[in-house]
Amino acid sequence: MANTVYSFGRMKVKDYDEYIERYGLPLEPILKKCNGKIIATNKKGVIVEGEEEGNWTVLIEFSRGKDAFEFYASPEYAPLKKMRLEELTDNALAITFPAEISLE
C-alpha cells in the first residue's frame, strides 16, 4: 500500500443522469487502464467542517501516484475532463494524496 494514492473530488453536478451517462460510464475504462478504481461516490456527503461547495463527492484509488497524474493528463481523459469542467459541473475541486500518513 506504500505507493497507493487517492484522488478526492467534490463538485456541483448540474444533472446527475447526464453526468453519469456522458462522464461516469466512459470514465471507468480509462481509470482501469491507469490502474485506478472508484472507491466511493455520494450525492450528499455529511459536511463536518467548512462550507457546502457541491453536491457530488468521489474517491478514487490509484496503484501509484504516477498512475493518478498520468490519468489526469492522458489524451483519453482530456475530452471527458473538458466536458465535465465546461458543461456538466460547477465548482470542481480535486485533490490527490498518498495513502501514508507522516507525522514528521
N, C-alpha and C. Protein backbone atom coordinates (compact mmCIF):
# COMPACT_ATOMS: atom_id res chain seq x y z
N MET A 1 0.81 -1.20 0.00
CA MET A 1 0.00 0.00 0.00
C MET A 1 0.85 1.26 0.00
N ALA A 2 2.15 1.16 0.17
CA ALA A 2 3.02 2.32 0.30
C ALA A 2 2.93 3.27 -0.90
N ASN A 3 2.65 2.76 -2.09
CA ASN A 3 2.60 3.61 -3.26
C ASN A 3 1.17 4.03 -3.63
N THR A 4 0.19 3.51 -2.95
CA THR A 4 -1.20 3.83 -3.25
C THR A 4 -1.47 5.31 -3.02
N VAL A 5 -2.23 5.92 -3.94
CA VAL A 5 -2.68 7.29 -3.76
C VAL A 5 -4.19 7.35 -3.97
N TYR A 6 -4.79 8.38 -3.40
CA TYR A 6 -6.22 8.60 -3.54
C TYR A 6 -6.46 9.96 -4.16
N SER A 7 -7.48 10.04 -4.98
CA SER A 7 -7.93 11.31 -5.53
C SER A 7 -9.34 11.55 -5.03
N PHE A 8 -9.53 12.71 -4.41
CA PHE A 8 -10.80 13.12 -3.86
C PHE A 8 -11.34 14.23 -4.73
N GLY A 9 -12.59 14.12 -5.12
CA GLY A 9 -13.22 15.17 -5.92
C GLY A 9 -14.53 15.61 -5.31
N ARG A 10 -14.79 16.90 -5.39
CA ARG A 10 -16.06 17.46 -4.90
C ARG A 10 -16.49 18.50 -5.92
N MET A 11 -17.72 18.42 -6.37
CA MET A 11 -18.21 19.34 -7.38
C MET A 11 -19.72 19.49 -7.30
N LYS A 12 -20.25 20.44 -8.03
CA LYS A 12 -21.70 20.61 -8.15
C LYS A 12 -22.11 20.07 -9.51
N VAL A 13 -22.80 18.94 -9.51
CA VAL A 13 -23.29 18.31 -10.74
C VAL A 13 -24.60 19.00 -11.13
N LYS A 14 -24.70 19.39 -12.39
CA LYS A 14 -25.89 20.09 -12.87
C LYS A 14 -27.06 19.13 -13.09
N ASP A 15 -26.79 17.95 -13.65
CA ASP A 15 -27.83 16.95 -13.92
C ASP A 15 -27.20 15.57 -13.73
N TYR A 16 -27.62 14.85 -12.70
CA TYR A 16 -26.99 13.57 -12.36
C TYR A 16 -27.08 12.55 -13.48
N ASP A 17 -28.23 12.40 -14.09
CA ASP A 17 -28.39 11.40 -15.15
C ASP A 17 -27.45 11.68 -16.32
N GLU A 18 -27.39 12.94 -16.73
CA GLU A 18 -26.50 13.32 -17.83
C GLU A 18 -25.03 13.13 -17.43
N TYR A 19 -24.69 13.47 -16.21
CA TYR A 19 -23.33 13.31 -15.71
C TYR A 19 -22.89 11.84 -15.76
N ILE A 20 -23.74 10.96 -15.27
CA ILE A 20 -23.40 9.52 -15.27
C ILE A 20 -23.28 8.99 -16.69
N GLU A 21 -24.24 9.33 -17.54
CA GLU A 21 -24.24 8.82 -18.91
C GLU A 21 -23.07 9.33 -19.73
N ARG A 22 -22.83 10.63 -19.68
CA ARG A 22 -21.82 11.23 -20.55
C ARG A 22 -20.41 11.20 -19.97
N TYR A 23 -20.29 11.14 -18.62
CA TYR A 23 -18.98 11.20 -17.99
C TYR A 23 -18.66 9.95 -17.18
N GLY A 24 -19.55 9.57 -16.29
CA GLY A 24 -19.27 8.46 -15.38
C GLY A 24 -19.03 7.13 -16.07
N LEU A 25 -19.91 6.75 -16.98
CA LEU A 25 -19.76 5.46 -17.65
C LEU A 25 -18.51 5.41 -18.54
N PRO A 26 -18.22 6.43 -19.36
CA PRO A 26 -17.00 6.39 -20.16
C PRO A 26 -15.72 6.51 -19.33
N LEU A 27 -15.82 7.00 -18.10
CA LEU A 27 -14.65 7.19 -17.25
C LEU A 27 -14.05 5.87 -16.78
N GLU A 28 -14.89 4.90 -16.46
CA GLU A 28 -14.41 3.66 -15.83
C GLU A 28 -13.33 2.92 -16.62
N PRO A 29 -13.47 2.71 -17.95
CA PRO A 29 -12.39 2.01 -18.66
C PRO A 29 -11.07 2.79 -18.69
N ILE A 30 -11.16 4.11 -18.68
CA ILE A 30 -9.93 4.93 -18.66
C ILE A 30 -9.26 4.79 -17.31
N LEU A 31 -10.04 4.82 -16.24
CA LEU A 31 -9.48 4.61 -14.90
C LEU A 31 -8.80 3.25 -14.81
N LYS A 32 -9.48 2.22 -15.30
CA LYS A 32 -8.94 0.86 -15.23
C LYS A 32 -7.60 0.78 -15.96
N LYS A 33 -7.53 1.39 -17.12
CA LYS A 33 -6.29 1.39 -17.91
C LYS A 33 -5.14 2.05 -17.14
N CYS A 34 -5.48 3.00 -16.27
CA CYS A 34 -4.48 3.73 -15.48
C CYS A 34 -4.36 3.19 -14.06
N ASN A 35 -4.80 1.95 -13.84
CA ASN A 35 -4.72 1.31 -12.52
C ASN A 35 -5.47 2.09 -11.44
N GLY A 36 -6.63 2.64 -11.84
CA GLY A 36 -7.46 3.36 -10.90
C GLY A 36 -8.81 2.70 -10.75
N LYS A 37 -9.44 2.93 -9.61
CA LYS A 37 -10.80 2.43 -9.41
C LYS A 37 -11.55 3.35 -8.46
N ILE A 38 -12.85 3.47 -8.72
CA ILE A 38 -13.69 4.29 -7.86
C ILE A 38 -13.96 3.52 -6.58
N ILE A 39 -13.66 4.15 -5.45
CA ILE A 39 -13.87 3.55 -4.13
C ILE A 39 -15.25 3.93 -3.60
N ALA A 40 -15.64 5.20 -3.77
CA ALA A 40 -16.92 5.65 -3.25
C ALA A 40 -17.39 6.88 -4.01
N THR A 41 -18.70 7.00 -4.15
CA THR A 41 -19.34 8.21 -4.68
C THR A 41 -20.58 8.48 -3.82
N ASN A 42 -20.95 9.74 -3.76
CA ASN A 42 -22.09 10.08 -2.92
C ASN A 42 -22.67 11.42 -3.36
N LYS A 43 -24.00 11.48 -3.44
CA LYS A 43 -24.65 12.73 -3.79
C LYS A 43 -24.60 13.76 -2.67
N LYS A 44 -24.58 13.30 -1.45
CA LYS A 44 -24.64 14.26 -0.35
C LYS A 44 -23.81 13.76 0.82
N GLY A 45 -22.53 14.07 0.81
CA GLY A 45 -21.70 13.74 1.95
C GLY A 45 -22.07 14.62 3.14
N VAL A 46 -21.74 14.18 4.32
CA VAL A 46 -22.02 14.94 5.53
C VAL A 46 -20.87 15.92 5.76
N ILE A 47 -21.16 17.19 5.74
CA ILE A 47 -20.14 18.21 5.96
C ILE A 47 -19.88 18.29 7.47
N VAL A 48 -18.65 18.00 7.87
CA VAL A 48 -18.29 18.07 9.29
C VAL A 48 -17.47 19.33 9.60
N GLU A 49 -16.99 19.99 8.56
CA GLU A 49 -16.23 21.22 8.75
C GLU A 49 -16.24 22.00 7.44
N GLY A 50 -16.36 23.30 7.51
CA GLY A 50 -16.33 24.14 6.32
C GLY A 50 -17.71 24.39 5.72
N GLU A 51 -17.71 25.00 4.55
CA GLU A 51 -18.93 25.39 3.86
C GLU A 51 -19.28 24.39 2.76
N GLU A 52 -20.55 24.25 2.47
CA GLU A 52 -21.04 23.39 1.39
C GLU A 52 -20.60 23.97 0.05
N GLU A 53 -19.95 23.19 -0.76
CA GLU A 53 -19.46 23.64 -2.06
C GLU A 53 -19.92 22.79 -3.22
N GLY A 54 -20.68 21.73 -2.98
CA GLY A 54 -21.07 20.89 -4.10
C GLY A 54 -22.14 19.90 -3.70
N ASN A 55 -22.47 19.02 -4.64
CA ASN A 55 -23.49 18.01 -4.41
C ASN A 55 -23.06 16.62 -4.87
N TRP A 56 -21.76 16.44 -5.15
CA TRP A 56 -21.24 15.17 -5.60
C TRP A 56 -19.81 15.00 -5.09
N THR A 57 -19.56 13.88 -4.46
CA THR A 57 -18.23 13.57 -3.94
C THR A 57 -17.78 12.24 -4.51
N VAL A 58 -16.51 12.14 -4.86
CA VAL A 58 -15.96 10.89 -5.39
C VAL A 58 -14.59 10.65 -4.78
N LEU A 59 -14.29 9.38 -4.50
CA LEU A 59 -12.97 8.98 -4.02
C LEU A 59 -12.46 7.88 -4.95
N ILE A 60 -11.30 8.11 -5.54
CA ILE A 60 -10.69 7.17 -6.49
C ILE A 60 -9.35 6.72 -5.94
N GLU A 61 -9.06 5.43 -6.09
CA GLU A 61 -7.78 4.86 -5.65
C GLU A 61 -6.94 4.52 -6.88
N PHE A 62 -5.66 4.89 -6.84
CA PHE A 62 -4.69 4.53 -7.88
C PHE A 62 -3.57 3.73 -7.25
N SER A 63 -3.03 2.80 -8.00
CA SER A 63 -1.93 1.96 -7.50
C SER A 63 -0.69 2.78 -7.16
N ARG A 64 -0.45 3.83 -7.94
CA ARG A 64 0.75 4.66 -7.74
C ARG A 64 0.41 6.11 -8.07
N GLY A 65 1.15 7.02 -7.49
CA GLY A 65 0.96 8.43 -7.81
C GLY A 65 1.15 8.72 -9.27
N LYS A 66 2.11 8.05 -9.88
CA LYS A 66 2.37 8.24 -11.31
C LYS A 66 1.13 7.91 -12.13
N ASP A 67 0.41 6.85 -11.74
CA ASP A 67 -0.81 6.46 -12.46
C ASP A 67 -1.86 7.56 -12.36
N ALA A 68 -2.01 8.14 -11.18
CA ALA A 68 -3.01 9.20 -10.98
C ALA A 68 -2.73 10.40 -11.87
N PHE A 69 -1.48 10.84 -11.91
CA PHE A 69 -1.14 12.01 -12.70
C PHE A 69 -1.15 11.70 -14.19
N GLU A 70 -0.77 10.49 -14.58
CA GLU A 70 -0.86 10.10 -15.99
C GLU A 70 -2.32 10.04 -16.44
N PHE A 71 -3.21 9.54 -15.57
CA PHE A 71 -4.63 9.53 -15.88
C PHE A 71 -5.12 10.95 -16.14
N TYR A 72 -4.84 11.86 -15.21
CA TYR A 72 -5.36 13.22 -15.31
C TYR A 72 -4.85 13.94 -16.56
N ALA A 73 -3.63 13.61 -16.99
CA ALA A 73 -3.03 14.26 -18.15
C ALA A 73 -3.20 13.47 -19.45
N SER A 74 -3.88 12.34 -19.40
CA SER A 74 -3.97 11.47 -20.57
C SER A 74 -4.84 12.05 -21.68
N PRO A 75 -4.49 11.76 -22.92
CA PRO A 75 -5.33 12.21 -24.04
C PRO A 75 -6.71 11.54 -24.04
N GLU A 76 -6.81 10.34 -23.47
CA GLU A 76 -8.11 9.65 -23.39
C GLU A 76 -9.05 10.38 -22.43
N TYR A 77 -8.50 10.91 -21.35
CA TYR A 77 -9.33 11.59 -20.36
C TYR A 77 -9.62 13.04 -20.74
N ALA A 78 -8.78 13.65 -21.55
CA ALA A 78 -8.90 15.08 -21.86
C ALA A 78 -10.30 15.51 -22.31
N PRO A 79 -10.95 14.81 -23.25
CA PRO A 79 -12.29 15.28 -23.65
C PRO A 79 -13.33 15.13 -22.54
N LEU A 80 -13.20 14.10 -21.71
CA LEU A 80 -14.13 13.94 -20.59
C LEU A 80 -13.92 15.04 -19.55
N LYS A 81 -12.65 15.33 -19.26
CA LYS A 81 -12.34 16.39 -18.29
C LYS A 81 -12.90 17.73 -18.78
N LYS A 82 -12.69 18.03 -20.05
CA LYS A 82 -13.18 19.28 -20.63
C LYS A 82 -14.71 19.36 -20.52
N MET A 83 -15.38 18.29 -20.86
CA MET A 83 -16.84 18.26 -20.79
C MET A 83 -17.31 18.41 -19.34
N ARG A 84 -16.66 17.72 -18.42
CA ARG A 84 -17.03 17.82 -17.00
C ARG A 84 -16.90 19.25 -16.51
N LEU A 85 -15.77 19.87 -16.80
CA LEU A 85 -15.50 21.23 -16.32
C LEU A 85 -16.36 22.29 -17.00
N GLU A 86 -16.61 22.14 -18.30
CA GLU A 86 -17.30 23.19 -19.06
C GLU A 86 -18.81 23.01 -19.16
N GLU A 87 -19.30 21.76 -19.05
CA GLU A 87 -20.72 21.52 -19.29
C GLU A 87 -21.47 20.87 -18.13
N LEU A 88 -20.84 19.92 -17.45
CA LEU A 88 -21.58 19.06 -16.53
C LEU A 88 -21.52 19.47 -15.06
N THR A 89 -20.52 20.25 -14.68
CA THR A 89 -20.35 20.59 -13.27
C THR A 89 -19.93 22.05 -13.09
N ASP A 90 -20.07 22.50 -11.86
CA ASP A 90 -19.55 23.81 -11.43
C ASP A 90 -18.72 23.57 -10.17
N ASN A 91 -17.80 24.49 -9.90
CA ASN A 91 -17.04 24.50 -8.64
C ASN A 91 -16.34 23.18 -8.34
N ALA A 92 -15.61 22.64 -9.31
CA ALA A 92 -14.91 21.37 -9.09
C ALA A 92 -13.64 21.57 -8.27
N LEU A 93 -13.40 20.62 -7.39
CA LEU A 93 -12.19 20.57 -6.57
C LEU A 93 -11.66 19.15 -6.66
N ALA A 94 -10.37 18.99 -6.95
CA ALA A 94 -9.75 17.67 -6.99
C ALA A 94 -8.44 17.72 -6.22
N ILE A 95 -8.24 16.72 -5.36
CA ILE A 95 -7.02 16.62 -4.55
C ILE A 95 -6.50 15.20 -4.65
N THR A 96 -5.22 15.03 -4.90
CA THR A 96 -4.59 13.72 -4.91
C THR A 96 -3.60 13.68 -3.76
N PHE A 97 -3.62 12.57 -2.99
CA PHE A 97 -2.76 12.47 -1.82
C PHE A 97 -2.32 11.03 -1.61
N PRO A 98 -1.13 10.83 -1.05
CA PRO A 98 -0.65 9.47 -0.79
C PRO A 98 -1.39 8.82 0.36
N ALA A 99 -1.38 7.49 0.38
CA ALA A 99 -2.09 6.74 1.42
C ALA A 99 -1.38 6.81 2.77
N GLU A 100 -0.08 7.02 2.78
CA GLU A 100 0.63 7.02 4.07
C GLU A 100 0.42 8.34 4.80
N ILE A 101 0.54 8.27 6.10
CA ILE A 101 0.43 9.45 6.95
C ILE A 101 1.77 9.63 7.65
N SER A 102 2.30 10.82 7.55
CA SER A 102 3.57 11.10 8.20
C SER A 102 3.36 12.20 9.24
N LEU A 103 3.89 11.98 10.42
CA LEU A 103 3.78 12.98 11.48
C LEU A 103 5.06 13.78 11.62
N GLU A 104 5.98 13.59 10.69
CA GLU A 104 7.27 14.30 10.74
C GLU A 104 7.17 15.68 10.19
